[in-house]
């Protein structure tokens, strides 16, 4: 785990509820498990990035740097 990160377990009501809840903090958190939740969040992030004109590809399983959106927008 990267320096400065804290790993915690958070009980969830459902995958759908957790998906909406964990979108708010954006790149400030990383979901490590459940695979379905992690994959759903990754797909939402890719779709959002495309909507905002971010054309850089983020490989599955990698984290975007916190300044990814600002750098992509700057072009």
C-alpha atoms as a PDB file:
ATOM      1  CA  UNK A   1       0.000   0.000   0.000  1.00  0.00           C
ATOM      2  CA  UNK A   2       1.298   3.449  -0.925  1.00  0.00           C
ATOM      3  CA  UNK A   3       2.621   5.744   1.770  1.00  0.00           C
ATOM      4  CA  UNK A   4      -0.078   7.917   3.302  1.00  0.00           C
ATOM      5  CA  UNK A   5      -2.902   5.501   2.498  1.00  0.00           C
ATOM      6  CA  UNK A   6      -5.037   3.754   5.106  1.00  0.00           C
ATOM      7  CA  UNK A   7      -6.691   0.426   4.407  1.00  0.00           C
ATOM      8  CA  UNK A   8     -10.115  -0.085   5.973  1.00  0.00           C
ATOM      9  CA  UNK A   9     -13.122  -2.339   5.615  1.00  0.00           C
ATOM     10  CA  UNK A  10     -16.425  -0.567   5.110  1.00  0.00           C
ATOM     11  CA  UNK A  11     -19.683  -2.536   5.292  1.00  0.00           C
ATOM     12  CA  UNK A  12     -21.927  -1.839   2.318  1.00  0.00           C
ATOM     13  CA  UNK A  13     -25.666  -2.090   1.816  1.00  0.00           C
ATOM     14  CA  UNK A  14     -25.401  -3.216  -1.812  1.00  0.00           C
ATOM     15  CA  UNK A  15     -23.046  -2.945  -4.783  1.00  0.00           C
ATOM     16  CA  UNK A  16     -25.253  -0.227  -6.339  1.00  0.00           C
ATOM     17  CA  UNK A  17     -25.374   1.842  -3.143  1.00  0.00           C
ATOM     18  CA  UNK A  18     -21.620   1.513  -2.595  1.00  0.00           C
ATOM     19  CA  UNK A  19     -20.978   2.458  -6.241  1.00  0.00           C
ATOM     20  CA  UNK A  20     -22.803   5.759  -5.798  1.00  0.00           C
ATOM     21  CA  UNK A  21     -21.248   6.404  -2.375  1.00  0.00           C
ATOM     22  CA  UNK A  22     -17.663   5.726  -3.479  1.00  0.00           C
ATOM     23  CA  UNK A  23     -17.866   7.898  -6.596  1.00  0.00           C
ATOM     24  CA  UNK A  24     -17.994  11.076  -4.505  1.00  0.00           C
ATOM     25  CA  UNK A  25     -14.406  10.998  -3.188  1.00  0.00           C
ATOM     26  CA  UNK A  26     -13.059  10.205  -6.679  1.00  0.00           C
ATOM     27  CA  UNK A  27      -9.333   9.432  -6.767  1.00  0.00           C
ATOM     28  CA  UNK A  28      -9.016   9.987  -3.021  1.00  0.00           C
ATOM     29  CA  UNK A  29     -10.043   6.362  -2.420  1.00  0.00           C
ATOM     30  CA  UNK A  30      -9.376   3.062  -4.143  1.00  0.00           C
ATOM     31  CA  UNK A  31     -11.761   0.123  -3.833  1.00  0.00           C
ATOM     32  CA  UNK A  32      -9.729  -3.073  -3.474  1.00  0.00           C
ATOM     33  CA  UNK A  33     -12.622  -5.565  -3.301  1.00  0.00           C
ATOM     34  CA  UNK A  34     -15.425  -6.588  -4.362  1.00  0.00           C
ATOM     35  CA  UNK A  35     -14.427  -7.129  -7.962  1.00  0.00           C
ATOM     36  CA  UNK A  36     -17.889  -6.178  -9.263  1.00  0.00           C
ATOM     37  CA  UNK A  37     -17.777  -2.879  -7.351  1.00  0.00           C
ATOM     38  CA  UNK A  38     -14.199  -2.108  -8.416  1.00  0.00           C
ATOM     39  CA  UNK A  39     -14.972  -2.907 -12.073  1.00  0.00           C
ATOM     40  CA  UNK A  40     -18.149  -0.807 -11.989  1.00  0.00           C
ATOM     41  CA  UNK A  41     -16.317   2.187 -10.556  1.00  0.00           C
ATOM     42  CA  UNK A  42     -13.528   1.802 -13.126  1.00  0.00           C
ATOM     43  CA  UNK A  43     -16.052   1.741 -15.972  1.00  0.00           C
ATOM     44  CA  UNK A  44     -17.810   4.841 -14.616  1.00  0.00           C
ATOM     45  CA  UNK A  45     -14.455   6.630 -14.349  1.00  0.00           C
ATOM     46  CA  UNK A  46     -13.549   5.713 -17.942  1.00  0.00           C
ATOM     47  CA  UNK A  47     -16.948   6.907 -19.192  1.00  0.00           C
ATOM     48  CA  UNK A  48     -16.665  10.165 -17.240  1.00  0.00           C
ATOM     49  CA  UNK A  49     -13.133  10.784 -18.494  1.00  0.00           C
ATOM     50  CA  UNK A  50     -14.303  10.285 -22.085  1.00  0.00           C
ATOM     51  CA  UNK A  51     -17.187  12.700 -21.513  1.00  0.00           C
ATOM     52  CA  UNK A  52     -14.768  15.386 -20.368  1.00  0.00           C
ATOM     53  CA  UNK A  53     -12.386  14.884 -23.236  1.00  0.00           C
ATOM     54  CA  UNK A  54      -9.718  12.905 -21.405  1.00  0.00           C
ATOM     55  CA  UNK A  55      -8.137  10.755 -24.069  1.00  0.00           C
ATOM     56  CA  UNK A  56      -5.310   9.189 -22.078  1.00  0.00           C
ATOM     57  CA  UNK A  57      -5.901   5.501 -21.466  1.00  0.00           C
ATOM     58  CA  UNK A  58      -5.721   4.200 -17.925  1.00  0.00           C
ATOM     59  CA  UNK A  59      -4.827   0.517 -17.822  1.00  0.00           C
ATOM     60  CA  UNK A  60      -7.055  -1.788 -15.825  1.00  0.00           C
ATOM     61  CA  UNK A  61      -5.673  -2.201 -12.338  1.00  0.00           C
ATOM     62  CA  UNK A  62      -3.710   1.055 -12.356  1.00  0.00           C
ATOM     63  CA  UNK A  63      -4.493   4.260 -10.513  1.00  0.00           C
ATOM     64  CA  UNK A  64      -4.796   7.616 -12.204  1.00  0.00           C
ATOM     65  CA  UNK A  65      -2.617  10.251 -10.579  1.00  0.00           C
ATOM     66  CA  UNK A  66      -4.638  12.822  -8.565  1.00  0.00           C
ATOM     67  CA  UNK A  67      -3.915  15.552 -11.123  1.00  0.00           C
ATOM     68  CA  UNK A  68      -4.974  13.385 -14.096  1.00  0.00           C
ATOM     69  CA  UNK A  69      -8.104  15.390 -14.930  1.00  0.00           C
ATOM     70  CA  UNK A  70      -6.321  18.754 -14.735  1.00  0.00           C
ATOM     71  CA  UNK A  71      -3.415  17.567 -16.931  1.00  0.00           C
ATOM     72  CA  UNK A  72      -5.741  15.922 -19.440  1.00  0.00           C
ATOM     73  CA  UNK A  73      -7.867  19.058 -19.694  1.00  0.00           C
ATOM     74  CA  UNK A  74      -4.760  21.202 -20.216  1.00  0.00           C
ATOM     75  CA  UNK A  75      -3.953  19.011 -23.058  1.00  0.00           C
END
